[in-house]
Amino acid sequence: MTNGLKLFDRRYVITIGTVQVDALRCQFKVKKTHKPDPNTCEIKITNLGQDNRDALARPNNGKLRVTLEAGYKSTGTSLLFQGEVRAAYTEWEGPDCITTVTTGDSEKEMQESRIHATVSAGQPVGDVLFSIAKSLNVGLGNIDQAVALLAAKGSVTGMFAP
């Protein structure tokens, strides 16, 4: 161990569509946020085979799923990121080809989601937010706390006003 870090026996598994990588040199950077922006991940894989590079260039219905798991031989791997491919490209650095995959989570859903709902005057804001969450097929999260906080600050009256 160096400075409390275990730098040996590390393991990873990257799955992109039908391509699974677990033995090549790879680097990754995961950015998670509590903001409404999608979480992102950039993965760089060294010397990925031509067949696998071709598979990344042909997304399935315009959407390739990505999962990134990492950990240690002794403890196994844990899921660090799950999302969709934004772009994949390969560049040559001397004799090595470096395939870079940029990803985001739920980006297509966020861009393409539509809601069709009827809201009447006087309907509680919480009901409207619950309806939106249900239509988008996302968890309810902290809607109750958010509505209570807004009501306490006087930002909402608790009723939807058209």
N, C-alpha and C. Protein backbone atom coordinates (compact mmCIF):
# COMPACT_ATOMS: atom_id res chain seq x y z
N MET A 1 0.83 -1.19 0.00
CA MET A 1 0.00 0.00 0.00
C MET A 1 0.87 1.24 0.00
N THR A 2 0.43 2.26 -0.73
CA THR A 2 1.11 3.53 -0.80
C THR A 2 0.14 4.61 -0.39
N ASN A 3 0.46 5.31 0.69
CA ASN A 3 -0.43 6.37 1.19
C ASN A 3 -1.85 5.86 1.37
N GLY A 4 -2.01 4.63 1.80
CA GLY A 4 -3.34 4.08 2.02
C GLY A 4 -4.04 3.62 0.77
N LEU A 5 -3.42 3.76 -0.40
CA LEU A 5 -4.04 3.34 -1.65
C LEU A 5 -3.53 1.97 -2.06
N LYS A 6 -4.43 1.14 -2.45
CA LYS A 6 -4.06 -0.18 -2.96
C LYS A 6 -3.97 -0.08 -4.48
N LEU A 7 -2.76 -0.23 -5.00
CA LEU A 7 -2.54 -0.01 -6.43
C LEU A 7 -2.32 -1.30 -7.21
N PHE A 8 -2.62 -2.44 -6.61
CA PHE A 8 -2.44 -3.69 -7.33
C PHE A 8 -3.70 -4.53 -7.23
N ASP A 9 -3.81 -5.53 -8.08
CA ASP A 9 -4.97 -6.41 -8.16
C ASP A 9 -6.27 -5.66 -8.45
N ARG A 10 -6.16 -4.55 -9.18
CA ARG A 10 -7.37 -3.83 -9.56
C ARG A 10 -8.03 -4.54 -10.73
N ARG A 11 -9.33 -4.46 -10.79
CA ARG A 11 -10.13 -5.08 -11.85
C ARG A 11 -11.13 -4.08 -12.39
N TYR A 12 -11.50 -4.25 -13.65
CA TYR A 12 -12.56 -3.44 -14.23
C TYR A 12 -13.27 -4.27 -15.29
N VAL A 13 -14.50 -3.92 -15.57
CA VAL A 13 -15.25 -4.50 -16.68
C VAL A 13 -16.03 -3.36 -17.31
N ILE A 14 -15.79 -3.14 -18.60
CA ILE A 14 -16.53 -2.14 -19.35
C ILE A 14 -17.34 -2.88 -20.39
N THR A 15 -18.64 -2.61 -20.42
CA THR A 15 -19.52 -3.21 -21.42
C THR A 15 -20.15 -2.06 -22.21
N ILE A 16 -19.93 -2.08 -23.52
CA ILE A 16 -20.49 -1.07 -24.42
C ILE A 16 -21.24 -1.82 -25.50
N GLY A 17 -22.56 -1.80 -25.44
CA GLY A 17 -23.36 -2.60 -26.37
C GLY A 17 -23.02 -4.06 -26.18
N THR A 18 -22.49 -4.71 -27.22
CA THR A 18 -22.11 -6.13 -27.13
C THR A 18 -20.62 -6.31 -26.87
N VAL A 19 -19.88 -5.20 -26.78
CA VAL A 19 -18.44 -5.26 -26.57
C VAL A 19 -18.15 -5.26 -25.07
N GLN A 20 -17.36 -6.23 -24.62
CA GLN A 20 -16.95 -6.27 -23.21
C GLN A 20 -15.43 -6.24 -23.14
N VAL A 21 -14.91 -5.32 -22.33
CA VAL A 21 -13.47 -5.14 -22.19
C VAL A 21 -13.11 -5.31 -20.72
N ASP A 22 -12.09 -6.15 -20.44
CA ASP A 22 -11.65 -6.31 -19.05
C ASP A 22 -10.15 -6.61 -18.94
N ALA A 23 -9.44 -6.63 -20.06
CA ALA A 23 -8.02 -7.00 -20.01
C ALA A 23 -7.10 -5.99 -20.69
N LEU A 24 -7.63 -4.98 -21.33
CA LEU A 24 -6.79 -3.99 -22.01
C LEU A 24 -6.53 -2.81 -21.08
N ARG A 25 -5.52 -2.02 -21.44
CA ARG A 25 -5.26 -0.82 -20.66
C ARG A 25 -6.41 0.15 -20.88
N CYS A 26 -6.92 0.68 -19.77
CA CYS A 26 -8.00 1.65 -19.91
C CYS A 26 -7.87 2.73 -18.85
N GLN A 27 -8.43 3.87 -19.16
CA GLN A 27 -8.53 5.00 -18.23
C GLN A 27 -9.98 5.46 -18.28
N PHE A 28 -10.48 5.94 -17.15
CA PHE A 28 -11.83 6.48 -17.16
C PHE A 28 -11.94 7.62 -16.16
N LYS A 29 -12.87 8.51 -16.46
CA LYS A 29 -13.15 9.65 -15.61
C LYS A 29 -14.67 9.78 -15.50
N VAL A 30 -15.20 9.59 -14.30
CA VAL A 30 -16.63 9.67 -14.05
C VAL A 30 -16.92 10.98 -13.33
N LYS A 31 -17.89 11.75 -13.82
CA LYS A 31 -18.32 12.98 -13.16
C LYS A 31 -19.78 12.82 -12.77
N LYS A 32 -20.01 12.82 -11.47
CA LYS A 32 -21.38 12.73 -10.96
C LYS A 32 -21.76 14.07 -10.38
N THR A 33 -23.02 14.44 -10.51
CA THR A 33 -23.48 15.73 -10.04
C THR A 33 -24.87 15.61 -9.44
N HIS A 34 -25.18 16.49 -8.52
CA HIS A 34 -26.52 16.56 -7.95
C HIS A 34 -27.37 17.56 -8.72
N LYS A 35 -26.77 18.21 -9.70
CA LYS A 35 -27.48 19.17 -10.52
C LYS A 35 -28.35 18.42 -11.52
N PRO A 36 -29.24 19.12 -12.21
CA PRO A 36 -30.11 18.42 -13.18
C PRO A 36 -29.38 17.95 -14.43
N ASP A 37 -28.10 18.28 -14.56
CA ASP A 37 -27.32 17.82 -15.71
C ASP A 37 -27.04 16.33 -15.60
N PRO A 38 -26.89 15.66 -16.74
CA PRO A 38 -26.58 14.23 -16.71
C PRO A 38 -25.19 13.97 -16.12
N ASN A 39 -25.02 12.84 -15.47
CA ASN A 39 -23.69 12.39 -15.07
C ASN A 39 -22.97 11.97 -16.34
N THR A 40 -21.64 12.10 -16.35
CA THR A 40 -20.89 11.77 -17.54
C THR A 40 -19.72 10.85 -17.22
N CYS A 41 -19.21 10.20 -18.24
CA CYS A 41 -18.05 9.33 -18.11
C CYS A 41 -17.28 9.36 -19.43
N GLU A 42 -15.97 9.49 -19.31
CA GLU A 42 -15.11 9.39 -20.48
C GLU A 42 -14.21 8.18 -20.28
N ILE A 43 -14.21 7.29 -21.26
CA ILE A 43 -13.43 6.05 -21.18
C ILE A 43 -12.44 6.04 -22.34
N LYS A 44 -11.18 5.72 -22.02
CA LYS A 44 -10.15 5.58 -23.05
C LYS A 44 -9.61 4.16 -22.96
N ILE A 45 -9.70 3.45 -24.09
CA ILE A 45 -9.25 2.06 -24.16
C ILE A 45 -8.12 1.98 -25.17
N THR A 46 -7.00 1.38 -24.75
CA THR A 46 -5.83 1.27 -25.62
C THR A 46 -5.86 -0.05 -26.39
N ASN A 47 -5.68 0.07 -27.69
CA ASN A 47 -5.55 -1.07 -28.61
C ASN A 47 -6.79 -1.98 -28.65
N LEU A 48 -7.95 -1.39 -28.70
CA LEU A 48 -9.19 -2.14 -28.90
C LEU A 48 -9.18 -2.70 -30.31
N GLY A 49 -9.59 -3.94 -30.49
CA GLY A 49 -9.58 -4.59 -31.80
C GLY A 49 -10.49 -3.91 -32.81
N GLN A 50 -10.16 -4.09 -34.08
CA GLN A 50 -10.91 -3.46 -35.16
C GLN A 50 -12.38 -3.85 -35.15
N ASP A 51 -12.70 -5.13 -34.92
CA ASP A 51 -14.10 -5.58 -34.88
C ASP A 51 -14.87 -4.84 -33.79
N ASN A 52 -14.25 -4.67 -32.63
CA ASN A 52 -14.91 -3.96 -31.53
C ASN A 52 -15.05 -2.47 -31.83
N ARG A 53 -14.05 -1.88 -32.46
CA ARG A 53 -14.17 -0.47 -32.85
C ARG A 53 -15.30 -0.30 -33.86
N ASP A 54 -15.43 -1.26 -34.80
CA ASP A 54 -16.52 -1.21 -35.77
C ASP A 54 -17.88 -1.33 -35.08
N ALA A 55 -17.97 -2.19 -34.06
CA ALA A 55 -19.23 -2.37 -33.33
C ALA A 55 -19.64 -1.07 -32.64
N LEU A 56 -18.67 -0.31 -32.14
CA LEU A 56 -18.98 0.97 -31.49
C LEU A 56 -19.46 2.01 -32.49
N ALA A 57 -19.04 1.87 -33.74
CA ALA A 57 -19.44 2.82 -34.77
C ALA A 57 -20.85 2.56 -35.30
N ARG A 58 -21.43 1.38 -34.98
CA ARG A 58 -22.78 1.04 -35.45
C ARG A 58 -23.71 0.87 -34.26
N PRO A 59 -24.21 1.99 -33.70
CA PRO A 59 -25.09 1.87 -32.54
C PRO A 59 -26.39 1.15 -32.86
N ASN A 60 -26.91 0.44 -31.87
CA ASN A 60 -28.17 -0.29 -31.99
C ASN A 60 -29.32 0.69 -31.78
N ASN A 61 -30.05 1.00 -32.85
CA ASN A 61 -31.17 1.96 -32.78
C ASN A 61 -30.70 3.31 -32.25
N GLY A 62 -29.48 3.71 -32.58
CA GLY A 62 -28.97 5.00 -32.16
C GLY A 62 -28.63 5.08 -30.69
N LYS A 63 -28.58 3.94 -30.00
CA LYS A 63 -28.35 3.98 -28.56
C LYS A 63 -27.51 2.77 -28.15
N LEU A 64 -26.31 3.03 -27.64
CA LEU A 64 -25.46 1.97 -27.10
C LEU A 64 -25.36 2.15 -25.59
N ARG A 65 -25.74 1.13 -24.85
CA ARG A 65 -25.65 1.17 -23.38
C ARG A 65 -24.21 0.94 -22.94
N VAL A 66 -23.81 1.63 -21.88
CA VAL A 66 -22.47 1.51 -21.33
C VAL A 66 -22.57 1.21 -19.84
N THR A 67 -21.82 0.23 -19.37
CA THR A 67 -21.68 0.03 -17.92
C THR A 67 -20.19 -0.03 -17.61
N LEU A 68 -19.83 0.56 -16.52
CA LEU A 68 -18.45 0.57 -16.05
C LEU A 68 -18.45 0.06 -14.62
N GLU A 69 -17.73 -1.03 -14.41
CA GLU A 69 -17.56 -1.61 -13.08
C GLU A 69 -16.08 -1.62 -12.76
N ALA A 70 -15.73 -1.37 -11.50
CA ALA A 70 -14.33 -1.40 -11.09
C ALA A 70 -14.23 -1.85 -9.65
N GLY A 71 -13.07 -2.38 -9.30
CA GLY A 71 -12.84 -2.83 -7.93
C GLY A 71 -11.53 -3.58 -7.84
N TYR A 72 -11.47 -4.53 -6.93
CA TYR A 72 -10.26 -5.30 -6.69
C TYR A 72 -10.55 -6.79 -6.79
N LYS A 73 -9.51 -7.55 -7.07
CA LYS A 73 -9.64 -9.00 -7.18
C LYS A 73 -10.25 -9.58 -5.90
N SER A 74 -9.82 -9.08 -4.74
CA SER A 74 -10.27 -9.63 -3.46
C SER A 74 -11.71 -9.28 -3.11
N THR A 75 -12.21 -8.13 -3.58
CA THR A 75 -13.55 -7.69 -3.19
C THR A 75 -14.55 -7.70 -4.33
N GLY A 76 -14.08 -7.91 -5.55
CA GLY A 76 -14.98 -7.89 -6.70
C GLY A 76 -15.20 -6.47 -7.21
N THR A 77 -15.99 -6.33 -8.25
CA THR A 77 -16.24 -5.02 -8.85
C THR A 77 -17.59 -4.49 -8.42
N SER A 78 -17.74 -3.17 -8.50
CA SER A 78 -18.98 -2.48 -8.21
C SER A 78 -19.32 -1.58 -9.38
N LEU A 79 -20.59 -1.37 -9.61
CA LEU A 79 -21.04 -0.50 -10.70
C LEU A 79 -20.70 0.95 -10.38
N LEU A 80 -19.93 1.59 -11.26
CA LEU A 80 -19.57 3.00 -11.09
C LEU A 80 -20.38 3.91 -11.99
N PHE A 81 -20.75 3.40 -13.18
CA PHE A 81 -21.46 4.24 -14.13
C PHE A 81 -22.29 3.39 -15.06
N GLN A 82 -23.44 3.93 -15.44
CA GLN A 82 -24.31 3.29 -16.43
C GLN A 82 -24.94 4.40 -17.24
N GLY A 83 -24.87 4.31 -18.56
CA GLY A 83 -25.42 5.36 -19.40
C GLY A 83 -25.43 4.95 -20.86
N GLU A 84 -25.38 5.97 -21.74
CA GLU A 84 -25.41 5.74 -23.18
C GLU A 84 -24.22 6.44 -23.83
N VAL A 85 -23.77 5.89 -24.95
CA VAL A 85 -22.66 6.47 -25.70
C VAL A 85 -23.12 7.77 -26.37
N ARG A 86 -22.34 8.83 -26.17
CA ARG A 86 -22.53 10.07 -26.92
C ARG A 86 -21.74 9.99 -28.22
N ALA A 87 -20.45 9.63 -28.07
CA ALA A 87 -19.57 9.55 -29.23
C ALA A 87 -18.46 8.55 -28.94
N ALA A 88 -17.95 7.94 -30.00
CA ALA A 88 -16.81 7.03 -29.89
C ALA A 88 -15.91 7.29 -31.08
N TYR A 89 -14.62 7.48 -30.81
CA TYR A 89 -13.68 7.71 -31.90
C TYR A 89 -12.32 7.14 -31.50
N THR A 90 -11.50 6.88 -32.51
CA THR A 90 -10.18 6.30 -32.28
C THR A 90 -9.12 7.20 -32.89
N GLU A 91 -8.04 7.40 -32.13
CA GLU A 91 -6.89 8.18 -32.59
C GLU A 91 -5.65 7.33 -32.39
N TRP A 92 -4.66 7.56 -33.23
CA TRP A 92 -3.40 6.83 -33.13
C TRP A 92 -2.39 7.68 -32.39
N GLU A 93 -1.72 7.07 -31.41
CA GLU A 93 -0.61 7.69 -30.68
C GLU A 93 0.58 6.75 -30.82
N GLY A 94 1.43 7.03 -31.79
CA GLY A 94 2.54 6.12 -32.09
C GLY A 94 1.96 4.79 -32.55
N PRO A 95 2.41 3.67 -31.98
CA PRO A 95 1.91 2.36 -32.41
C PRO A 95 0.56 1.98 -31.77
N ASP A 96 0.09 2.79 -30.82
CA ASP A 96 -1.15 2.45 -30.11
C ASP A 96 -2.34 3.21 -30.67
N CYS A 97 -3.49 2.51 -30.70
CA CYS A 97 -4.73 3.20 -31.04
C CYS A 97 -5.49 3.38 -29.73
N ILE A 98 -5.95 4.60 -29.51
CA ILE A 98 -6.69 4.95 -28.30
C ILE A 98 -8.13 5.23 -28.70
N THR A 99 -9.05 4.40 -28.21
CA THR A 99 -10.47 4.59 -28.48
C THR A 99 -11.07 5.34 -27.31
N THR A 100 -11.65 6.49 -27.60
CA THR A 100 -12.27 7.32 -26.57
C THR A 100 -13.78 7.21 -26.72
N VAL A 101 -14.45 6.92 -25.62
CA VAL A 101 -15.91 6.82 -25.59
C VAL A 101 -16.41 7.84 -24.59
N THR A 102 -17.23 8.79 -25.05
CA THR A 102 -17.84 9.76 -24.13
C THR A 102 -19.30 9.35 -23.94
N THR A 103 -19.76 9.47 -22.70
CA THR A 103 -21.08 8.96 -22.35
C THR A 103 -21.83 9.93 -21.44
N GLY A 104 -23.11 9.71 -21.33
CA GLY A 104 -23.96 10.43 -20.39
C GLY A 104 -25.08 9.51 -19.94
N ASP A 105 -25.65 9.77 -18.77
CA ASP A 105 -26.74 8.90 -18.32
C ASP A 105 -28.10 9.57 -18.53
N SER A 106 -28.99 8.83 -19.14
CA SER A 106 -30.39 9.26 -19.39
C SER A 106 -30.51 10.50 -20.26
N GLU A 107 -29.52 10.78 -21.07
CA GLU A 107 -29.58 11.97 -21.91
C GLU A 107 -30.68 11.89 -22.96
N LYS A 108 -30.78 10.75 -23.64
CA LYS A 108 -31.82 10.62 -24.66
C LYS A 108 -33.21 10.76 -24.04
N GLU A 109 -33.40 10.13 -22.87
CA GLU A 109 -34.69 10.22 -22.20
C GLU A 109 -35.01 11.66 -21.83
N MET A 110 -33.99 12.39 -21.34
CA MET A 110 -34.20 13.78 -20.96
C MET A 110 -34.53 14.65 -22.16
N GLN A 111 -33.90 14.36 -23.31
CA GLN A 111 -34.13 15.16 -24.50
C GLN A 111 -35.44 14.82 -25.19
N GLU A 112 -35.87 13.56 -25.10
CA GLU A 112 -37.00 13.11 -25.88
C GLU A 112 -38.29 12.90 -25.08
N SER A 113 -38.25 13.06 -23.77
CA SER A 113 -39.42 12.82 -22.94
C SER A 113 -40.49 13.88 -23.18
N ARG A 114 -41.70 13.44 -23.23
CA ARG A 114 -42.85 14.34 -23.40
C ARG A 114 -43.91 13.95 -22.38
N ILE A 115 -44.63 14.94 -21.93
CA ILE A 115 -45.67 14.70 -20.95
C ILE A 115 -46.98 15.23 -21.51
N HIS A 116 -48.01 14.44 -21.40
CA HIS A 116 -49.35 14.87 -21.77
C HIS A 116 -50.20 14.71 -20.53
N ALA A 117 -50.55 15.84 -19.92
CA ALA A 117 -51.32 15.79 -18.68
C ALA A 117 -52.24 17.01 -18.62
N THR A 118 -53.36 16.82 -17.97
CA THR A 118 -54.29 17.92 -17.75
C THR A 118 -54.14 18.39 -16.32
N VAL A 119 -53.95 19.68 -16.17
CA VAL A 119 -53.79 20.28 -14.84
C VAL A 119 -54.86 21.35 -14.70
N SER A 120 -55.59 21.26 -13.62
CA SER A 120 -56.64 22.24 -13.41
C SER A 120 -56.21 23.28 -12.38
N ALA A 121 -56.83 24.45 -12.44
CA ALA A 121 -56.54 25.50 -11.47
C ALA A 121 -56.87 24.99 -10.07
N GLY A 122 -56.03 25.32 -9.13
CA GLY A 122 -56.26 24.90 -7.75
C GLY A 122 -55.73 23.53 -7.41
N GLN A 123 -55.13 22.84 -8.39
CA GLN A 123 -54.56 21.51 -8.11
C GLN A 123 -53.27 21.69 -7.30
N PRO A 124 -53.07 20.91 -6.24
CA PRO A 124 -51.85 21.06 -5.44
C PRO A 124 -50.59 20.83 -6.27
N VAL A 125 -49.56 21.67 -6.02
CA VAL A 125 -48.30 21.59 -6.75
C VAL A 125 -47.68 20.21 -6.60
N GLY A 126 -47.76 19.64 -5.41
CA GLY A 126 -47.22 18.30 -5.18
C GLY A 126 -47.84 17.28 -6.11
N ASP A 127 -49.16 17.37 -6.34
CA ASP A 127 -49.84 16.45 -7.25
C ASP A 127 -49.31 16.60 -8.67
N VAL A 128 -49.06 17.84 -9.08
CA VAL A 128 -48.53 18.10 -10.42
C VAL A 128 -47.14 17.49 -10.56
N LEU A 129 -46.29 17.70 -9.55
CA LEU A 129 -44.94 17.15 -9.60
C LEU A 129 -44.95 15.63 -9.58
N PHE A 130 -45.82 15.02 -8.77
CA PHE A 130 -45.95 13.56 -8.76
C PHE A 130 -46.38 13.04 -10.13
N SER A 131 -47.30 13.75 -10.77
CA SER A 131 -47.78 13.36 -12.10
C SER A 131 -46.64 13.43 -13.12
N ILE A 132 -45.83 14.47 -13.03
CA ILE A 132 -44.70 14.62 -13.95
C ILE A 132 -43.71 13.47 -13.74
N ALA A 133 -43.35 13.19 -12.49
CA ALA A 133 -42.40 12.12 -12.19
C ALA A 133 -42.93 10.78 -12.70
N LYS A 134 -44.20 10.52 -12.51
CA LYS A 134 -44.79 9.26 -12.97
C LYS A 134 -44.76 9.17 -14.50
N SER A 135 -45.07 10.28 -15.19
CA SER A 135 -45.05 10.29 -16.65
C SER A 135 -43.66 10.06 -17.21
N LEU A 136 -42.63 10.58 -16.52
CA LEU A 136 -41.26 10.42 -16.97
C LEU A 136 -40.66 9.09 -16.54
N ASN A 137 -41.41 8.34 -15.73
CA ASN A 137 -40.94 7.04 -15.23
C ASN A 137 -39.64 7.17 -14.45
N VAL A 138 -39.60 8.20 -13.58
CA VAL A 138 -38.46 8.40 -12.69
C VAL A 138 -38.96 8.30 -11.25
N GLY A 139 -38.05 8.11 -10.34
CA GLY A 139 -38.41 8.02 -8.93
C GLY A 139 -38.94 9.35 -8.41
N LEU A 140 -39.63 9.29 -7.28
CA LEU A 140 -40.21 10.49 -6.68
C LEU A 140 -39.17 11.33 -5.96
N GLY A 141 -38.05 10.72 -5.61
CA GLY A 141 -36.97 11.48 -4.99
C GLY A 141 -37.43 12.27 -3.79
N ASN A 142 -37.12 13.55 -3.76
CA ASN A 142 -37.44 14.40 -2.62
C ASN A 142 -38.52 15.42 -2.95
N ILE A 143 -39.50 15.03 -3.74
CA ILE A 143 -40.57 15.96 -4.13
C ILE A 143 -41.29 16.52 -2.92
N ASP A 144 -41.63 15.67 -1.95
CA ASP A 144 -42.33 16.14 -0.75
C ASP A 144 -41.54 17.23 -0.04
N GLN A 145 -40.23 16.97 0.15
CA GLN A 145 -39.39 17.94 0.85
C GLN A 145 -39.25 19.24 0.05
N ALA A 146 -39.12 19.12 -1.28
CA ALA A 146 -38.98 20.30 -2.13
C ALA A 146 -40.23 21.17 -2.08
N VAL A 147 -41.40 20.56 -2.16
CA VAL A 147 -42.65 21.33 -2.11
C VAL A 147 -42.81 21.98 -0.75
N ALA A 148 -42.50 21.24 0.33
CA ALA A 148 -42.61 21.80 1.68
C ALA A 148 -41.65 22.98 1.86
N LEU A 149 -40.43 22.86 1.34
CA LEU A 149 -39.44 23.92 1.45
C LEU A 149 -39.89 25.16 0.68
N LEU A 150 -40.37 24.96 -0.55
CA LEU A 150 -40.85 26.09 -1.35
C LEU A 150 -42.05 26.77 -0.68
N ALA A 151 -42.95 25.97 -0.12
CA ALA A 151 -44.11 26.54 0.56
C ALA A 151 -43.68 27.33 1.79
N ALA A 152 -42.69 26.81 2.53
CA ALA A 152 -42.20 27.51 3.72
C ALA A 152 -41.55 28.84 3.36
N LYS A 153 -40.90 28.90 2.20
CA LYS A 153 -40.27 30.14 1.75
C LYS A 153 -41.26 31.07 1.07
N GLY A 154 -42.50 30.63 0.90
CA GLY A 154 -43.50 31.44 0.24
C GLY A 154 -43.37 31.45 -1.25
N SER A 155 -42.54 30.55 -1.81
CA SER A 155 -42.33 30.51 -3.26
C SER A 155 -43.50 29.90 -4.00
N VAL A 156 -44.25 29.03 -3.33
CA VAL A 156 -45.44 28.45 -3.93
C VAL A 156 -46.56 28.50 -2.92
N THR A 157 -47.75 28.58 -3.40
CA THR A 157 -48.89 28.60 -2.49
C THR A 157 -49.37 27.19 -2.20
N GLY A 158 -48.77 26.23 -2.88
CA GLY A 158 -49.21 24.84 -2.70
C GLY A 158 -50.26 24.44 -3.71
N MET A 159 -50.74 25.44 -4.48
CA MET A 159 -51.74 25.16 -5.51
C MET A 159 -51.20 25.61 -6.85
N PHE A 160 -51.55 24.86 -7.91
CA PHE A 160 -51.13 25.21 -9.26
C PHE A 160 -52.01 26.34 -9.76
N ALA A 161 -51.36 27.40 -10.25
CA ALA A 161 -52.11 28.52 -10.83
C ALA A 161 -51.72 28.64 -12.29
N PRO A 162 -52.67 28.54 -13.20
CA PRO A 162 -52.34 28.61 -14.63
C PRO A 162 -51.86 29.99 -15.03
